[in-house]
C-alpha atoms as a PDB file:
ATOM      1  CA  MET A   1     -26.933  66.019 142.017  1.00  0.00           C
ATOM      2  CA  THR A   2     -26.704  64.853 138.434  1.00  0.00           C
ATOM      3  CA  SER A   3     -23.031  63.907 138.385  1.00  0.00           C
ATOM      4  CA  THR A   4     -20.674  63.048 141.177  1.00  0.00           C
ATOM      5  CA  VAL A   5     -17.042  62.758 142.050  1.00  0.00           C
ATOM      6  CA  ASN A   6     -16.577  60.244 144.856  1.00  0.00           C
ATOM      7  CA  GLY A   7     -20.217  60.805 145.754  1.00  0.00           C
ATOM      8  CA  PHE A   8     -20.050  64.632 145.779  1.00  0.00           C
ATOM      9  CA  GLY A   9     -21.300  66.974 143.082  1.00  0.00           C
ATOM     10  CA  ALA A  10     -19.035  67.336 140.115  1.00  0.00           C
ATOM     11  CA  ALA A  11     -18.091  70.825 141.252  1.00  0.00           C
ATOM     12  CA  ALA A  12     -16.677  69.329 144.453  1.00  0.00           C
ATOM     13  CA  THR A  13     -13.471  67.908 143.018  1.00  0.00           C
ATOM     14  CA  PRO A  14     -10.985  65.930 145.137  1.00  0.00           C
ATOM     15  CA  ALA A  15      -8.818  69.047 145.248  1.00  0.00           C
ATOM     16  CA  ALA A  16     -11.714  71.092 146.567  1.00  0.00           C
ATOM     17  CA  LEU A  17     -12.474  68.408 149.100  1.00  0.00           C
ATOM     18  CA  ALA A  18      -8.882  68.457 150.255  1.00  0.00           C
ATOM     19  CA  GLY A  19      -9.381  72.092 151.135  1.00  0.00           C
ATOM     20  CA  ALA A  20     -12.167  71.035 153.498  1.00  0.00           C
ATOM     21  CA  GLY A  21      -9.478  69.772 155.852  1.00  0.00           C
ATOM     22  CA  GLN A  22      -9.652  66.788 158.130  1.00  0.00           C
ATOM     23  CA  ALA A  23     -13.294  67.047 159.087  1.00  0.00           C
ATOM     24  CA  GLY A  24     -15.206  68.310 156.067  1.00  0.00           C
ATOM     25  CA  HIS A  25     -17.905  70.959 156.381  1.00  0.00           C
ATOM     26  CA  LEU A  26     -18.140  70.689 160.187  1.00  0.00           C
ATOM     27  CA  GLY A  27     -14.406  70.717 160.651  1.00  0.00           C
ATOM     28  CA  THR A  28     -13.915  74.150 162.190  1.00  0.00           C
ATOM     29  CA  GLU A  29     -15.013  75.422 165.569  1.00  0.00           C
ATOM     30  CA  ALA A  30     -16.858  78.320 163.925  1.00  0.00           C
ATOM     31  CA  ALA A  31     -18.751  75.952 161.635  1.00  0.00           C
ATOM     32  CA  ARG A  32     -19.729  73.734 164.545  1.00  0.00           C
ATOM     33  CA  ARG A  33     -21.079  76.725 166.464  1.00  0.00           C
ATOM     34  CA  GLU A  34     -22.933  77.925 163.381  1.00  0.00           C
ATOM     35  CA  HIS A  35     -24.601  74.563 162.924  1.00  0.00           C
ATOM     36  CA  GLY A  36     -25.599  74.263 166.580  1.00  0.00           C
ATOM     37  CA  ARG A  37     -23.282  71.528 167.802  1.00  0.00           C
ATOM     38  CA  LEU A  38     -23.915  70.929 171.503  1.00  0.00           C
ATOM     39  CA  GLY A  39     -20.609  69.262 172.287  1.00  0.00           C
ATOM     40  CA  GLU A  40     -17.292  68.312 170.811  1.00  0.00           C
ATOM     41  CA  GLY A  41     -17.576  64.571 171.461  1.00  0.00           C
ATOM     42  CA  ARG A  42     -15.579  64.106 174.637  1.00  0.00           C
ATOM     43  CA  TYR A  43     -14.154  60.718 173.796  1.00  0.00           C
ATOM     44  CA  ARG A  44     -10.477  60.959 172.947  1.00  0.00           C
ATOM     45  CA  GLY A  45      -9.556  57.292 172.892  1.00  0.00           C
ATOM     46  CA  PRO A  46      -6.388  55.421 173.750  1.00  0.00           C
ATOM     47  CA  GLY A  47      -3.090  56.984 172.774  1.00  0.00           C
ATOM     48  CA  ALA A  48      -2.430  54.366 170.110  1.00  0.00           C
ATOM     49  CA  LEU A  49      -5.300  55.734 168.021  1.00  0.00           C
ATOM     50  CA  ALA A  50      -4.521  59.419 168.414  1.00  0.00           C
ATOM     51  CA  GLU A  51      -1.991  59.686 165.602  1.00  0.00           C
ATOM     52  CA  ALA A  52      -4.114  57.592 163.231  1.00  0.00           C
ATOM     53  CA  ARG A  53      -7.092  59.861 163.838  1.00  0.00           C
ATOM     54  CA  ARG A  54      -5.073  63.012 163.282  1.00  0.00           C
ATOM     55  CA  ALA A  55      -3.788  61.708 159.964  1.00  0.00           C
ATOM     56  CA  LEU A  56      -7.225  60.826 158.578  1.00  0.00           C
ATOM     57  CA  ARG A  57      -8.981  63.333 156.325  1.00  0.00           C
ATOM     58  CA  VAL A  58     -12.771  63.048 156.124  1.00  0.00           C
ATOM     59  CA  ALA A  59     -15.269  65.162 154.173  1.00  0.00           C
ATOM     60  CA  LEU A  60     -19.068  65.128 154.378  1.00  0.00           C
ATOM     61  CA  PRO A  61     -21.717  65.981 151.779  1.00  0.00           C
ATOM     62  CA  GLU A  62     -22.786  69.597 151.595  1.00  0.00           C
ATOM     63  CA  PRO A  63     -25.039  70.509 154.541  1.00  0.00           C
ATOM     64  CA  SER A  64     -27.875  71.218 152.091  1.00  0.00           C
ATOM     65  CA  SER A  65     -27.883  67.528 151.129  1.00  0.00           C
ATOM     66  CA  ARG A  66     -30.206  65.557 153.387  1.00  0.00           C
ATOM     67  CA  PHE A  67     -29.961  61.793 153.802  1.00  0.00           C
ATOM     68  CA  SER A  68     -31.787  59.322 155.999  1.00  0.00           C
ATOM     69  CA  GLN A  69     -29.640  58.104 158.873  1.00  0.00           C
ATOM     70  CA  ASP A  70     -29.446  54.679 157.266  1.00  0.00           C
ATOM     71  CA  ASP A  71     -27.978  56.194 154.080  1.00  0.00           C
ATOM     72  CA  GLU A  72     -25.444  58.682 155.465  1.00  0.00           C
ATOM     73  CA  TRP A  73     -21.921  58.597 154.075  1.00  0.00           C
ATOM     74  CA  CYS A  74     -18.635  60.449 153.848  1.00  0.00           C
ATOM     75  CA  VAL A  75     -15.480  60.322 151.778  1.00  0.00           C
ATOM     76  CA  VAL A  76     -12.051  59.533 153.185  1.00  0.00           C
ATOM     77  CA  ALA A  77      -8.733  60.550 151.649  1.00  0.00           C
ATOM     78  CA  GLN A  78      -6.570  57.661 150.511  1.00  0.00           C
ATOM     79  CA  PRO A  79      -2.734  57.584 150.477  1.00  0.00           C
ATOM     80  CA  ASP A  80      -2.666  58.058 146.690  1.00  0.00           C
ATOM     81  CA  GLY A  81      -4.685  61.274 146.946  1.00  0.00           C
ATOM     82  CA  SER A  82      -7.983  59.772 145.826  1.00  0.00           C
ATOM     83  CA  TRP A  83     -11.160  59.809 147.937  1.00  0.00           C
ATOM     84  CA  SER A  84     -13.163  56.695 148.821  1.00  0.00           C
ATOM     85  CA  GLU A  85     -16.783  56.697 149.882  1.00  0.00           C
ATOM     86  CA  PHE A  86     -17.783  55.055 153.161  1.00  0.00           C
ATOM     87  CA  ARG A  87     -21.426  54.499 154.035  1.00  0.00           C
ATOM     88  CA  PHE A  88     -21.841  54.938 157.789  1.00  0.00           C
ATOM     89  CA  HIS A  89     -23.505  51.562 158.236  1.00  0.00           C
ATOM     90  CA  ASP A  90     -20.726  49.738 156.390  1.00  0.00           C
ATOM     91  CA  TYR A  91     -19.106  49.081 159.749  1.00  0.00           C
ATOM     92  CA  HIS A  92     -16.962  46.237 158.451  1.00  0.00           C
ATOM     93  CA  ARG A  93     -15.114  48.694 156.182  1.00  0.00           C
ATOM     94  CA  ILE A  94     -14.882  51.446 158.782  1.00  0.00           C
ATOM     95  CA  PHE A  95     -13.488  49.131 161.470  1.00  0.00           C
ATOM     96  CA  ASP A  96     -10.751  47.999 159.089  1.00  0.00           C
ATOM     97  CA  VAL A  97      -9.226  51.519 159.168  1.00  0.00           C
ATOM     98  CA  PRO A  98      -7.652  52.339 162.558  1.00  0.00           C
ATOM     99  CA  GLY A  99      -9.213  55.466 164.028  1.00  0.00           C
ATOM    100  CA  LEU A 100     -11.813  55.989 161.296  1.00  0.00           C
ATOM    101  CA  TYR A 101     -14.839  55.156 163.473  1.00  0.00           C
ATOM    102  CA  GLU A 102     -13.717  57.665 166.092  1.00  0.00           C
ATOM    103  CA  LYS A 103     -12.804  60.239 163.447  1.00  0.00           C
ATOM    104  CA  ILE A 104     -16.216  60.187 161.768  1.00  0.00           C
ATOM    105  CA  PHE A 105     -18.549  59.882 164.719  1.00  0.00           C
ATOM    106  CA  TYR A 106     -16.630  61.637 167.507  1.00  0.00           C
ATOM    107  CA  ASP A 107     -14.301  64.170 165.929  1.00  0.00           C
ATOM    108  CA  VAL A 108     -16.556  65.225 163.053  1.00  0.00           C
ATOM    109  CA  LEU A 109     -20.125  64.549 164.216  1.00  0.00           C
ATOM    110  CA  GLY A 110     -19.713  65.147 167.947  1.00  0.00           C
ATOM    111  CA  CYS A 111     -21.013  61.847 169.325  1.00  0.00           C
ATOM    112  CA  ASP A 112     -20.778  61.632 173.115  1.00  0.00           C
ATOM    113  CA  THR A 113     -23.236  58.789 173.701  1.00  0.00           C
ATOM    114  CA  PRO A 114     -21.048  56.111 175.346  1.00  0.00           C
ATOM    115  CA  ARG A 115     -19.741  58.550 177.956  1.00  0.00           C
ATOM    116  CA  PHE A 116     -23.235  59.960 178.495  1.00  0.00           C
ATOM    117  CA  MET A 117     -24.728  56.504 179.044  1.00  0.00           C
ATOM    118  CA  ALA A 118     -21.865  55.295 181.246  1.00  0.00           C
ATOM    119  CA  ASP A 119     -22.419  58.344 183.460  1.00  0.00           C
ATOM    120  CA  LEU A 120     -26.189  57.786 183.484  1.00  0.00           C
ATOM    121  CA  PHE A 121     -25.601  54.185 184.555  1.00  0.00           C
ATOM    122  CA  ALA A 122     -23.160  55.281 187.253  1.00  0.00           C
ATOM    123  CA  GLU A 123     -25.757  57.712 188.590  1.00  0.00           C
ATOM    124  CA  ALA A 124     -28.351  54.942 188.698  1.00  0.00           C
ATOM    125  CA  LEU A 125     -25.914  52.659 190.527  1.00  0.00           C
ATOM    126  CA  ALA A 126     -25.208  55.398 193.051  1.00  0.00           C
ATOM    127  CA  GLY A 127     -28.846  55.216 194.134  1.00  0.00           C
ATOM    128  CA  THR A 128     -28.442  51.574 195.172  1.00  0.00           C
ATOM    129  CA  ARG A 129     -26.181  49.582 197.459  1.00  0.00           C
ATOM    130  CA  GLU A 130     -24.534  47.948 194.455  1.00  0.00           C
ATOM    131  CA  GLU A 131     -20.985  48.645 193.363  1.00  0.00           C
ATOM    132  CA  ALA A 132     -19.725  49.132 189.824  1.00  0.00           C
ATOM    133  CA  GLY A 133     -17.027  46.590 190.636  1.00  0.00           C
ATOM    134  CA  ASP A 134     -19.689  43.878 190.847  1.00  0.00           C
ATOM    135  CA  VAL A 135     -21.117  44.563 187.385  1.00  0.00           C
ATOM    136  CA  ARG A 136     -20.473  41.972 184.684  1.00  0.00           C
ATOM    137  CA  VAL A 137     -21.730  43.413 181.425  1.00  0.00           C
ATOM    138  CA  LEU A 138     -22.763  41.947 178.106  1.00  0.00           C
ATOM    139  CA  ASP A 139     -21.908  44.659 175.565  1.00  0.00           C
ATOM    140  CA  LEU A 140     -24.134  43.949 172.567  1.00  0.00           C
ATOM    141  CA  GLY A 141     -23.092  45.518 169.274  1.00  0.00           C
ATOM    142  CA  ALA A 142     -19.708  45.994 170.909  1.00  0.00           C
ATOM    143  CA  GLY A 143     -17.863  47.234 167.835  1.00  0.00           C
ATOM    144  CA  ASN A 144     -14.290  48.232 168.631  1.00  0.00           C
ATOM    145  CA  GLY A 145     -14.956  48.676 172.346  1.00  0.00           C
ATOM    146  CA  ILE A 146     -15.780  52.331 173.005  1.00  0.00           C
ATOM    147  CA  MET A 147     -18.736  51.608 175.319  1.00  0.00           C
ATOM    148  CA  ALA A 148     -16.807  49.034 177.331  1.00  0.00           C
ATOM    149  CA  GLU A 149     -13.938  51.487 177.670  1.00  0.00           C
ATOM    150  CA  GLU A 150     -16.302  54.146 179.043  1.00  0.00           C
ATOM    151  CA  LEU A 151     -17.792  51.618 181.461  1.00  0.00           C
ATOM    152  CA  ALA A 152     -14.296  50.810 182.679  1.00  0.00           C
ATOM    153  CA  THR A 153     -13.791  54.494 183.515  1.00  0.00           C
ATOM    154  CA  VAL A 154     -16.756  54.332 185.936  1.00  0.00           C
ATOM    155  CA  GLY A 155     -15.442  51.163 187.568  1.00  0.00           C
ATOM    156  CA  VAL A 156     -17.028  48.287 185.644  1.00  0.00           C
ATOM    157  CA  PRO A 157     -14.309  45.604 185.547  1.00  0.00           C
ATOM    158  CA  HIS A 158     -15.811  42.782 183.473  1.00  0.00           C
ATOM    159  CA  ALA A 159     -17.189  43.139 179.952  1.00  0.00           C
ATOM    160  CA  VAL A 160     -18.050  40.543 177.338  1.00  0.00           C
ATOM    161  CA  GLY A 161     -18.399  41.854 173.805  1.00  0.00           C
ATOM    162  CA  VAL A 162     -20.808  40.470 171.237  1.00  0.00           C
ATOM    163  CA  ASP A 163     -20.951  41.576 167.614  1.00  0.00           C
ATOM    164  CA  ILE A 164     -21.981  39.907 164.392  1.00  0.00           C
ATOM    165  CA  LEU A 165     -18.940  41.290 162.553  1.00  0.00           C
ATOM    166  CA  PRO A 166     -15.528  39.602 162.786  1.00  0.00           C
ATOM    167  CA  GLU A 167     -14.060  42.972 161.743  1.00  0.00           C
ATOM    168  CA  ALA A 168     -15.450  44.474 164.957  1.00  0.00           C
ATOM    169  CA  GLN A 169     -13.708  41.867 167.098  1.00  0.00           C
ATOM    170  CA  SER A 170     -10.448  42.391 165.208  1.00  0.00           C
ATOM    171  CA  ALA A 171     -10.732  46.165 165.677  1.00  0.00           C
ATOM    172  CA  ALA A 172     -11.390  45.789 169.415  1.00  0.00           C
ATOM    173  CA  GLU A 173      -8.347  43.569 169.812  1.00  0.00           C
ATOM    174  CA  ARG A 174      -6.239  45.992 167.751  1.00  0.00           C
ATOM    175  CA  ASP A 175      -7.453  49.242 169.340  1.00  0.00           C
ATOM    176  CA  ARG A 176      -8.211  48.192 172.935  1.00  0.00           C
ATOM    177  CA  PRO A 177      -6.320  44.992 173.663  1.00  0.00           C
ATOM    178  CA  GLY A 178      -7.279  43.292 176.902  1.00  0.00           C
ATOM    179  CA  LEU A 179     -10.406  45.375 177.435  1.00  0.00           C
ATOM    180  CA  TYR A 180     -12.869  42.495 177.082  1.00  0.00           C
ATOM    181  CA  ALA A 181     -12.833  39.367 179.200  1.00  0.00           C
ATOM    182  CA  ASP A 182     -14.315  37.627 176.156  1.00  0.00           C
ATOM    183  CA  TYR A 183     -15.578  38.647 172.723  1.00  0.00           C
ATOM    184  CA  LEU A 184     -18.077  36.535 170.832  1.00  0.00           C
ATOM    185  CA  VAL A 185     -18.694  36.922 167.108  1.00  0.00           C
ATOM    186  CA  ALA A 186     -22.194  35.558 166.697  1.00  0.00           C
ATOM    187  CA  ASP A 187     -25.660  36.098 165.279  1.00  0.00           C
ATOM    188  CA  LEU A 188     -27.899  36.270 168.346  1.00  0.00           C
ATOM    189  CA  THR A 189     -30.931  35.389 166.255  1.00  0.00           C
ATOM    190  CA  ALA A 190     -29.323  31.967 165.728  1.00  0.00           C
ATOM    191  CA  LEU A 191     -27.192  31.409 168.839  1.00  0.00           C
ATOM    192  CA  ASP A 192     -26.016  27.822 169.227  1.00  0.00           C
ATOM    193  CA  PRO A 193     -25.929  26.051 172.615  1.00  0.00           C
ATOM    194  CA  ALA A 194     -22.145  26.303 172.957  1.00  0.00           C
ATOM    195  CA  GLU A 195     -22.247  30.056 172.377  1.00  0.00           C
ATOM    196  CA  SER A 196     -25.094  30.415 174.844  1.00  0.00           C
ATOM    197  CA  ARG A 197     -23.174  28.497 177.518  1.00  0.00           C
ATOM    198  CA  ARG A 198     -20.110  30.621 176.847  1.00  0.00           C
ATOM    199  CA  LEU A 199     -22.136  33.734 177.685  1.00  0.00           C
ATOM    200  CA  LEU A 200     -23.864  32.201 180.702  1.00  0.00           C
ATOM    201  CA  ASP A 201     -20.511  31.127 182.159  1.00  0.00           C
ATOM    202  CA  HIS A 202     -19.661  34.810 182.618  1.00  0.00           C
ATOM    203  CA  ARG A 203     -22.573  35.250 185.095  1.00  0.00           C
ATOM    204  CA  LEU A 204     -23.643  38.449 183.391  1.00  0.00           C
ATOM    205  CA  ASN A 205     -25.781  40.914 185.333  1.00  0.00           C
ATOM    206  CA  ALA A 206     -25.946  43.873 182.942  1.00  0.00           C
ATOM    207  CA  LEU A 207     -26.666  44.454 179.270  1.00  0.00           C
ATOM    208  CA  THR A 208     -25.526  47.504 177.304  1.00  0.00           C
ATOM    209  CA  VAL A 209     -26.772  48.234 173.793  1.00  0.00           C
ATOM    210  CA  VAL A 210     -25.571  51.704 172.855  1.00  0.00           C
ATOM    211  CA  ALA A 211     -26.064  53.313 169.430  1.00  0.00           C
ATOM    212  CA  ALA A 212     -26.750  49.895 167.956  1.00  0.00           C
ATOM    213  CA  LEU A 213     -30.530  49.288 167.897  1.00  0.00           C
ATOM    214  CA  GLY A 214     -32.666  49.706 164.818  1.00  0.00           C
ATOM    215  CA  PHE A 215     -31.685  50.097 161.154  1.00  0.00           C
ATOM    216  CA  GLY A 216     -31.434  46.304 160.881  1.00  0.00           C
ATOM    217  CA  ASP A 217     -28.130  46.209 162.782  1.00  0.00           C
ATOM    218  CA  ILE A 218     -29.614  44.514 165.860  1.00  0.00           C
ATOM    219  CA  PRO A 219     -33.192  43.262 165.421  1.00  0.00           C
ATOM    220  CA  PRO A 220     -35.574  42.801 168.369  1.00  0.00           C
ATOM    221  CA  ALA A 221     -34.985  39.029 168.374  1.00  0.00           C
ATOM    222  CA  ALA A 222     -31.236  39.535 168.937  1.00  0.00           C
ATOM    223  CA  PHE A 223     -31.892  42.019 171.732  1.00  0.00           C
ATOM    224  CA  ARG A 224     -34.272  39.557 173.398  1.00  0.00           C
ATOM    225  CA  THR A 225     -31.644  36.780 173.260  1.00  0.00           C
ATOM    226  CA  ALA A 226     -29.054  39.040 174.894  1.00  0.00           C
ATOM    227  CA  TYR A 227     -31.606  40.105 177.510  1.00  0.00           C
ATOM    228  CA  ASP A 228     -32.287  36.449 178.337  1.00  0.00           C
ATOM    229  CA  HIS A 229     -28.595  35.920 179.108  1.00  0.00           C
ATOM    230  CA  ILE A 230     -28.397  38.384 181.974  1.00  0.00           C
ATOM    231  CA  ALA A 231     -29.552  37.669 185.500  1.00  0.00           C
ATOM    232  CA  ASP A 232     -32.959  38.658 186.812  1.00  0.00           C
ATOM    233  CA  GLY A 233     -32.580  41.928 188.659  1.00  0.00           C
ATOM    234  CA  GLY A 234     -29.713  42.883 186.367  1.00  0.00           C
ATOM    235  CA  TRP A 235     -29.284  46.176 184.568  1.00  0.00           C
ATOM    236  CA  VAL A 236     -30.313  47.098 181.033  1.00  0.00           C
ATOM    237  CA  VAL A 237     -28.627  50.169 179.538  1.00  0.00           C
ATOM    238  CA  LEU A 238     -29.762  51.068 176.046  1.00  0.00           C
ATOM    239  CA  THR A 239     -30.120  53.905 173.589  1.00  0.00           C
ATOM    240  CA  ILE A 240     -32.555  54.046 170.725  1.00  0.00           C
ATOM    241  CA  LYS A 241     -33.555  56.697 168.218  1.00  0.00           C
ATOM    242  CA  ASP A 242     -36.815  58.319 169.263  1.00  0.00           C
ATOM    243  CA  ALA A 243     -38.431  57.335 165.935  1.00  0.00           C
ATOM    244  CA  PHE A 244     -38.137  53.652 166.872  1.00  0.00           C
ATOM    245  CA  LEU A 245     -40.278  54.295 169.968  1.00  0.00           C
ATOM    246  CA  ALA A 246     -43.072  56.067 168.091  1.00  0.00           C
ATOM    247  CA  GLU A 247     -46.509  54.561 167.639  1.00  0.00           C
ATOM    248  CA  ASP A 248     -45.950  54.115 163.911  1.00  0.00           C
ATOM    249  CA  ASP A 249     -42.646  52.252 164.388  1.00  0.00           C
ATOM    250  CA  THR A 250     -42.330  49.141 162.239  1.00  0.00           C
ATOM    251  CA  SER A 251     -39.014  47.837 163.626  1.00  0.00           C
ATOM    252  CA  GLY A 252     -40.678  46.014 166.535  1.00  0.00           C
ATOM    253  CA  PHE A 253     -38.778  47.897 169.231  1.00  0.00           C
ATOM    254  CA  ALA A 254     -41.605  50.245 170.230  1.00  0.00           C
ATOM    255  CA  ARG A 255     -43.934  47.331 170.934  1.00  0.00           C
ATOM    256  CA  MET A 256     -41.276  45.249 172.694  1.00  0.00           C
ATOM    257  CA  ILE A 257     -40.196  48.062 175.016  1.00  0.00           C
ATOM    258  CA  ALA A 258     -43.750  49.291 175.621  1.00  0.00           C
ATOM    259  CA  ASP A 259     -44.859  45.754 176.496  1.00  0.00           C
ATOM    260  CA  GLY A 260     -41.837  45.299 178.766  1.00  0.00           C
ATOM    261  CA  LEU A 261     -42.691  48.484 180.646  1.00  0.00           C
ATOM    262  CA  ALA A 262     -46.389  47.633 180.887  1.00  0.00           C
ATOM    263  CA  SER A 263     -45.734  44.111 182.160  1.00  0.00           C
ATOM    264  CA  GLY A 264     -43.111  45.235 184.668  1.00  0.00           C
ATOM    265  CA  ALA A 265     -40.408  43.167 182.975  1.00  0.00           C
ATOM    266  CA  LEU A 266     -38.473  46.426 182.540  1.00  0.00           C
ATOM    267  CA  GLU A 267     -38.357  48.745 185.535  1.00  0.00           C
ATOM    268  CA  VAL A 268     -37.052  52.109 184.377  1.00  0.00           C
ATOM    269  CA  VAL A 269     -34.600  53.809 186.717  1.00  0.00           C
ATOM    270  CA  ARG A 270     -33.436  56.632 184.432  1.00  0.00           C
ATOM    271  CA  ARG A 271     -34.775  57.750 181.061  1.00  0.00           C
ATOM    272  CA  GLU A 272     -33.564  60.809 179.165  1.00  0.00           C
ATOM    273  CA  ARG A 273     -33.798  62.210 175.660  1.00  0.00           C
ATOM    274  CA  PHE A 274     -30.469  63.507 174.392  1.00  0.00           C
ATOM    275  CA  ARG A 275     -28.611  64.495 171.268  1.00  0.00           C
ATOM    276  CA  HIS A 276     -26.773  61.413 170.067  1.00  0.00           C
ATOM    277  CA  ARG A 277     -24.762  63.203 167.383  1.00  0.00           C
ATOM    278  CA  LEU A 278     -25.182  65.453 164.391  1.00  0.00           C
ATOM    279  CA  ALA A 279     -26.443  64.199 161.068  1.00  0.00           C
ATOM    280  CA  THR A 280     -24.356  64.996 158.006  1.00  0.00           C
ATOM    281  CA  ASP A 281     -26.617  68.003 157.340  1.00  0.00           C
ATOM    282  CA  ALA A 282     -25.771  69.269 160.871  1.00  0.00           C
ATOM    283  CA  SER A 283     -29.248  68.599 162.294  1.00  0.00           C
ATOM    284  CA  PRO A 284     -29.353  66.846 165.705  1.00  0.00           C
ATOM    285  CA  LEU A 285     -30.194  63.153 165.946  1.00  0.00           C
ATOM    286  CA  VAL A 286     -32.298  62.682 169.068  1.00  0.00           C
ATOM    287  CA  TYR A 287     -32.176  59.408 170.980  1.00  0.00           C
ATOM    288  CA  GLU A 288     -33.580  58.107 174.231  1.00  0.00           C
ATOM    289  CA  GLY A 289     -31.278  56.723 176.891  1.00  0.00           C
ATOM    290  CA  ILE A 290     -32.822  54.168 179.219  1.00  0.00           C
ATOM    291  CA  VAL A 291     -31.353  52.582 182.342  1.00  0.00           C
ATOM    292  CA  ALA A 292     -33.646  49.871 183.683  1.00  0.00           C
ATOM    293  CA  ARG A 293     -33.740  46.753 185.840  1.00  0.00           C
ATOM    294  CA  LYS A 294     -34.642  43.355 184.422  1.00  0.00           C
ATOM    295  CA  ARG A 295     -37.616  42.127 186.419  1.00  0.00           C
ATOM    296  CA  GLY A 296     -38.835  39.377 184.116  1.00  0.00           C
ATOM    297  CA  PRO A 297     -38.821  37.986 180.567  1.00  0.00           C
ATOM    298  CA  LEU A 298     -39.791  40.120 177.621  1.00  0.00           C
ATOM    299  CA  GLY A 299     -42.927  39.014 175.807  1.00  0.00           C
END
């Protein structure tokens, strides 16, 4: 594209974008079938967000435009009729708009990952003598609380959120008040002793990191710190893009997870590849879901 209007080609004027409706080029059932969507994104959220989500109008780039996952974006209609660009990894801006996170990733791009992983965890629990009611989870990269909400639906009663963004904590309190027993805004690569004690006081025995690893959002050092704050024998529930587990990975996750498996520190109970969501060009983004037991420290 040589010229743009709100990030789209000059031919795609705001008026033309308005005609794309609330969900842009994947906004109709026929379009979703045409582009191979494998689900609608089952999450529907609390009632307080429903009206906000319905009112939002989001448009994506043309499907012929391909972006790396770290550079994906959309435009969102503003009250004055203009369109503002939102990069998908600008979470602080997205969380400031009630319902926008759910609108983009669930309604438009068909994400179903939190429900999928909560169910996978519940299936793993069913193979033990443990009860969901005894799980006390550290939800790393908690955002506005979707994963913790899905865990609550399978009987997990105690969740502690951790996110580096104060906007995420504010969104969780706004959208899902009372969901978390505690919510810590902190950089886990530089956790101070008081913050560490605050986490340990919750006697955490599970760690969830869903749709949050890689891309610089949560580095391996932060994951390791969270891992160290759950009890030995506890659960680790994570998703990660398959590219970050490849031999040529440079993020550090492939080596950390491979070493954990080889040493026995991570004992895999369930591991499945699945479609996390669609990219903005309608191609599937494939992730791995892992449910494991913590059997020792990570190297």
